[in-house]
Amino acid sequence: MHILIIEDEKRVADLIRRGLEEQDYTTTVAADGEEGRNAALSQQFDLIIMDIILPKLNGLDLCQELRQTFPDVPIIMLTALGTTDDKVEGFDAGANDYLVKPFDFRELHVRIRELLKRSNASGTGSTGSVLKTGRLEMDLQKKIVTSMGKEINLTPKEFALLEYMMRNSGRVVSRVEISENVWNTHFDTGTNFIDVYINYLRKKIDREFPTKMIHTKPGMGFVLKEAAEA
């Protein structure tokens, strides 16, 4: 497995590189955003780790650019920016996971393993290419969601969240389940991160339509179903 590390702090980059190479990964290190972009476009990588605050080209812009070219390559944001707004920006840019500095390498390694496992599993073609729940239809190959024939524009993370809820339609999913299965992590119980994304989805798939799809179960989580009441 070949991993690209885009990190301008040499000490941090060396720490990640050594740790990954001890786990038998092949690594390439880039010290700024432009160097990282050039490396990503010239070689094939199985996963990319990048900071947000980078010289020449910041990580958010770089992530958006790479996501357009490599829609299926897992990207981990590894940065000192740790507010909910920062995380939302990172996921909206196309990141699959987000880890805040200072970090424990063991946690980074676990997240890398999980993302690579999911990435490999998604390429097997073992699941259907179209999901349907009520008035919602999701084409997994074309990355298109429609409601009553109208296309709904979603960010990559909104798409992933809706996909998880559609695969579990009719069942209450907790915030912990969502964080573990969509973000591959466990957010602190005090954060409203999941609720922020649920609200994003509600605005896009419920606001302009007669029946509501996302319902809240107080103290339990959320359920996706087509019903007048939760």
Protein backbone atom coordinates (compact mmCIF):
# COMPACT_ATOMS: atom_id res chain seq x y z
CA MET A 1 0.00 0.00 0.00
CA HIS A 2 1.37 3.40 -1.01
CA ILE A 3 0.46 6.41 1.15
CA LEU A 4 1.07 10.08 0.33
CA ILE A 5 1.85 12.35 3.31
CA ILE A 6 1.42 16.08 2.66
CA GLU A 7 2.80 17.85 5.73
CA ASP A 8 5.04 20.91 6.04
CA GLU A 9 6.20 20.20 9.62
CA LYS A 10 9.21 17.94 9.07
CA ARG A 11 9.05 16.45 12.56
CA VAL A 12 5.42 15.42 12.11
CA ALA A 13 6.00 14.14 8.58
CA ASP A 14 8.97 12.05 9.73
CA LEU A 15 6.95 10.63 12.63
CA ILE A 16 4.15 9.52 10.31
CA ARG A 17 6.54 8.23 7.67
CA ARG A 18 8.55 6.12 10.13
CA GLY A 19 5.44 4.77 11.81
CA LEU A 20 3.86 3.75 8.51
CA GLU A 21 7.02 2.19 7.13
CA GLU A 22 7.31 0.10 10.31
CA GLN A 23 3.85 -1.21 9.41
CA ASP A 24 5.10 -2.12 5.91
CA TYR A 25 3.47 0.75 4.03
CA THR A 26 5.30 2.55 1.24
CA THR A 27 5.31 6.32 1.74
CA THR A 28 5.95 9.50 -0.21
CA VAL A 29 6.28 12.82 1.63
CA ALA A 30 5.44 16.26 0.19
CA ALA A 31 6.29 19.45 2.10
CA ASP A 32 3.71 21.81 0.58
CA GLY A 33 0.40 21.78 -1.25
CA GLU A 34 1.78 22.16 -4.75
CA GLU A 35 4.36 19.41 -4.23
CA GLY A 36 1.58 17.22 -2.84
CA ARG A 37 -0.63 17.86 -5.86
CA ASN A 38 2.19 17.08 -8.27
CA ALA A 39 2.97 13.85 -6.43
CA ALA A 40 -0.68 12.78 -6.39
CA LEU A 41 -1.02 13.40 -10.11
CA SER A 42 2.18 11.59 -11.04
CA GLN A 43 1.84 8.41 -8.97
CA GLN A 44 -0.89 6.05 -7.80
CA PHE A 45 -1.67 6.19 -4.08
CA ASP A 46 -3.96 4.06 -1.95
CA LEU A 47 -4.51 6.80 0.66
CA ILE A 48 -3.55 10.44 1.25
CA ILE A 49 -2.86 12.17 4.56
CA MET A 50 -2.74 15.97 4.47
CA ASP A 51 -2.60 19.01 6.71
CA ILE A 52 -4.90 21.97 6.06
CA ILE A 53 -2.44 24.80 6.73
CA LEU A 54 0.12 24.20 3.98
CA PRO A 55 2.47 26.50 2.04
CA LYS A 56 1.63 27.38 -1.59
CA LEU A 57 -1.73 25.55 -1.67
CA ASN A 58 -3.89 24.98 1.41
CA GLY A 59 -5.28 21.56 2.23
CA LEU A 60 -8.94 22.42 1.71
CA ASP A 61 -8.39 23.60 -1.86
CA LEU A 62 -6.03 20.72 -2.53
CA CYS A 63 -8.51 18.18 -1.18
CA GLN A 64 -11.30 19.55 -3.38
CA GLU A 65 -9.05 19.40 -6.42
CA LEU A 66 -7.83 15.86 -5.75
CA ARG A 67 -11.33 14.64 -4.97
CA GLN A 68 -12.44 15.67 -8.46
CA THR A 69 -9.63 13.64 -10.01
CA PHE A 70 -9.58 10.74 -7.55
CA PRO A 71 -13.13 10.29 -6.22
CA ASP A 72 -12.39 6.97 -4.51
CA VAL A 73 -8.97 7.54 -2.88
CA PRO A 74 -9.38 7.91 0.91
CA ILE A 75 -8.16 11.25 2.30
CA ILE A 76 -7.42 11.94 5.97
CA MET A 77 -7.14 15.54 7.20
CA LEU A 78 -4.51 15.73 9.96
CA THR A 79 -4.46 19.25 11.36
CA ALA A 80 -4.39 21.47 14.43
CA LEU A 81 -7.73 23.03 13.43
CA GLY A 82 -10.23 21.23 15.63
CA THR A 83 -13.50 23.15 15.91
CA THR A 84 -16.77 21.75 14.58
CA ASP A 85 -16.71 24.38 11.79
CA ASP A 86 -13.19 23.29 10.83
CA LYS A 87 -14.28 19.65 10.63
CA VAL A 88 -17.34 20.51 8.57
CA GLU A 89 -15.13 22.43 6.12
CA GLY A 90 -12.75 19.48 5.88
CA PHE A 91 -15.48 16.95 5.19
CA ASP A 92 -17.20 19.29 2.75
CA ALA A 93 -13.90 19.58 0.87
CA GLY A 94 -13.99 15.81 0.39
CA ALA A 95 -12.05 14.34 3.32
CA ASN A 96 -13.04 10.86 4.47
CA ASP A 97 -11.70 11.33 7.99
CA TYR A 98 -10.41 14.14 10.21
CA LEU A 99 -7.86 13.83 13.02
CA VAL A 100 -6.78 16.72 15.23
CA LYS A 101 -3.18 17.37 16.32
CA PRO A 102 -1.64 16.42 18.66
CA PHE A 103 -2.51 12.84 17.79
CA ASP A 104 -1.60 9.31 18.80
CA PHE A 105 -0.05 7.38 15.90
CA ARG A 106 -1.92 4.25 16.98
CA GLU A 107 -5.24 6.02 16.38
CA LEU A 108 -4.05 7.27 12.99
CA HIS A 109 -3.01 3.74 12.07
CA VAL A 110 -6.41 2.31 13.04
CA ARG A 111 -8.18 4.92 10.93
CA ILE A 112 -5.90 4.21 7.97
CA ARG A 113 -6.61 0.48 8.23
CA GLU A 114 -10.37 1.04 8.39
CA LEU A 115 -10.41 3.41 5.41
CA LEU A 116 -8.29 1.06 3.30
CA LYS A 117 -10.51 -1.87 4.27
CA ARG A 118 -13.64 0.02 3.25
CA SER A 119 -12.01 1.28 0.07
CA ASN A 120 -11.08 -2.25 -0.95
CA ALA A 121 -14.53 -3.59 -0.07
CA SER A 122 -16.28 -0.88 -2.09
CA GLY A 123 -14.52 -2.05 -5.23
CA THR A 124 -15.95 -5.56 -5.10
CA GLY A 125 -19.28 -4.62 -6.65
CA SER A 126 -21.11 -6.81 -4.12
CA THR A 127 -23.84 -4.26 -3.46
CA GLY A 128 -26.51 -2.91 -5.78
CA SER A 129 -25.82 0.30 -7.64
CA VAL A 130 -29.17 1.95 -6.83
CA LEU A 131 -30.76 2.47 -3.41
CA LYS A 132 -34.42 3.43 -2.99
CA THR A 133 -36.25 4.64 0.11
CA GLY A 134 -39.66 6.22 -0.32
CA ARG A 135 -39.34 9.13 -2.74
CA LEU A 136 -35.53 9.04 -2.59
CA GLU A 137 -33.36 7.26 -5.15
CA MET A 138 -29.55 7.08 -4.95
CA ASP A 139 -27.34 5.97 -7.84
CA LEU A 140 -24.11 4.81 -6.18
CA GLN A 141 -22.09 4.69 -9.39
CA LYS A 142 -23.12 8.05 -10.79
CA LYS A 143 -23.24 9.63 -7.29
CA ILE A 144 -26.67 11.11 -7.99
CA VAL A 145 -29.59 11.48 -5.58
CA THR A 146 -33.10 12.31 -6.77
CA SER A 147 -36.37 12.95 -4.98
CA MET A 148 -39.56 12.67 -7.02
CA GLY A 149 -37.38 13.00 -10.12
CA LYS A 150 -35.62 16.15 -8.93
CA GLU A 151 -31.84 15.91 -8.55
CA ILE A 152 -30.46 16.91 -5.13
CA ASN A 153 -26.90 18.24 -4.92
CA LEU A 154 -25.03 16.80 -1.95
CA THR A 155 -21.48 17.18 -0.69
CA PRO A 156 -19.44 13.93 -0.50
CA LYS A 157 -20.06 13.62 3.25
CA GLU A 158 -23.76 14.38 2.96
CA PHE A 159 -23.94 11.69 0.28
CA ALA A 160 -22.16 9.20 2.56
CA LEU A 161 -24.47 10.03 5.47
CA LEU A 162 -27.59 9.63 3.36
CA GLU A 163 -26.26 6.38 1.90
CA TYR A 164 -25.80 4.96 5.40
CA MET A 165 -29.29 6.03 6.42
CA MET A 166 -30.81 4.59 3.25
CA ARG A 167 -29.05 1.28 3.82
CA ASN A 168 -30.59 1.31 7.31
CA SER A 169 -33.96 2.82 6.38
CA GLY A 170 -36.77 2.22 8.86
CA ARG A 171 -34.29 1.61 11.69
CA VAL A 172 -33.22 4.14 14.31
CA VAL A 173 -29.48 4.84 13.99
CA SER A 174 -27.68 6.47 16.90
CA ARG A 175 -25.16 9.29 16.69
CA VAL A 176 -22.43 6.85 17.71
CA GLU A 177 -23.37 4.48 14.87
CA ILE A 178 -23.30 7.34 12.38
CA SER A 179 -19.94 8.65 13.57
CA GLU A 180 -18.38 5.19 13.50
CA ASN A 181 -19.80 4.13 10.13
CA VAL A 182 -19.74 7.40 8.17
CA TRP A 183 -16.78 9.20 9.75
CA ASN A 184 -14.86 6.11 10.95
CA THR A 185 -14.44 7.67 14.37
CA HIS A 186 -16.21 8.28 17.66
CA PHE A 187 -17.01 11.94 18.31
CA ASP A 188 -17.27 13.23 21.84
CA THR A 189 -20.81 12.98 23.13
CA GLY A 190 -20.79 16.72 23.78
CA THR A 191 -20.36 17.69 20.12
CA ASN A 192 -23.26 18.57 17.83
CA PHE A 193 -21.32 17.53 14.72
CA ILE A 194 -23.73 14.80 13.63
CA ASP A 195 -26.73 17.07 14.20
CA VAL A 196 -25.13 19.71 11.96
CA TYR A 197 -24.98 17.25 9.06
CA ILE A 198 -28.46 15.88 9.75
CA ASN A 199 -29.74 19.47 9.48
CA TYR A 200 -27.85 19.93 6.20
CA LEU A 201 -29.58 16.84 4.81
CA ARG A 202 -33.00 17.92 6.09
CA LYS A 203 -32.71 21.23 4.26
CA LYS A 204 -31.91 19.46 1.01
CA ILE A 205 -34.17 16.40 1.02
CA ASP A 206 -37.12 17.51 3.17
CA ARG A 207 -37.63 21.26 3.00
CA GLU A 208 -39.17 21.44 -0.50
CA PHE A 209 -41.10 18.16 -0.43
CA PRO A 210 -44.53 17.27 1.04
CA THR A 211 -43.45 14.26 3.10
CA LYS A 212 -40.54 14.28 5.53
CA MET A 213 -37.90 11.55 5.39
CA ILE A 214 -35.60 12.24 8.35
CA HIS A 215 -37.16 11.91 11.80
CA THR A 216 -35.59 12.39 15.22
CA LYS A 217 -36.08 9.90 18.03
CA PRO A 218 -35.21 11.92 21.18
CA GLY A 219 -32.44 10.28 23.18
CA MET A 220 -32.01 7.56 20.56
CA GLY A 221 -30.99 8.97 17.19
CA PHE A 222 -32.53 9.34 13.73
CA VAL A 223 -34.61 7.25 11.37
CA LEU A 224 -35.05 7.59 7.61
CA LYS A 225 -38.54 6.66 6.44
CA GLU A 226 -41.35 8.17 4.45
CA ALA A 227 -44.06 9.01 6.98
CA ALA A 228 -46.07 11.98 8.12
CA GLU A 229 -44.89 11.48 11.68
CA ALA A 230 -41.75 10.22 13.32
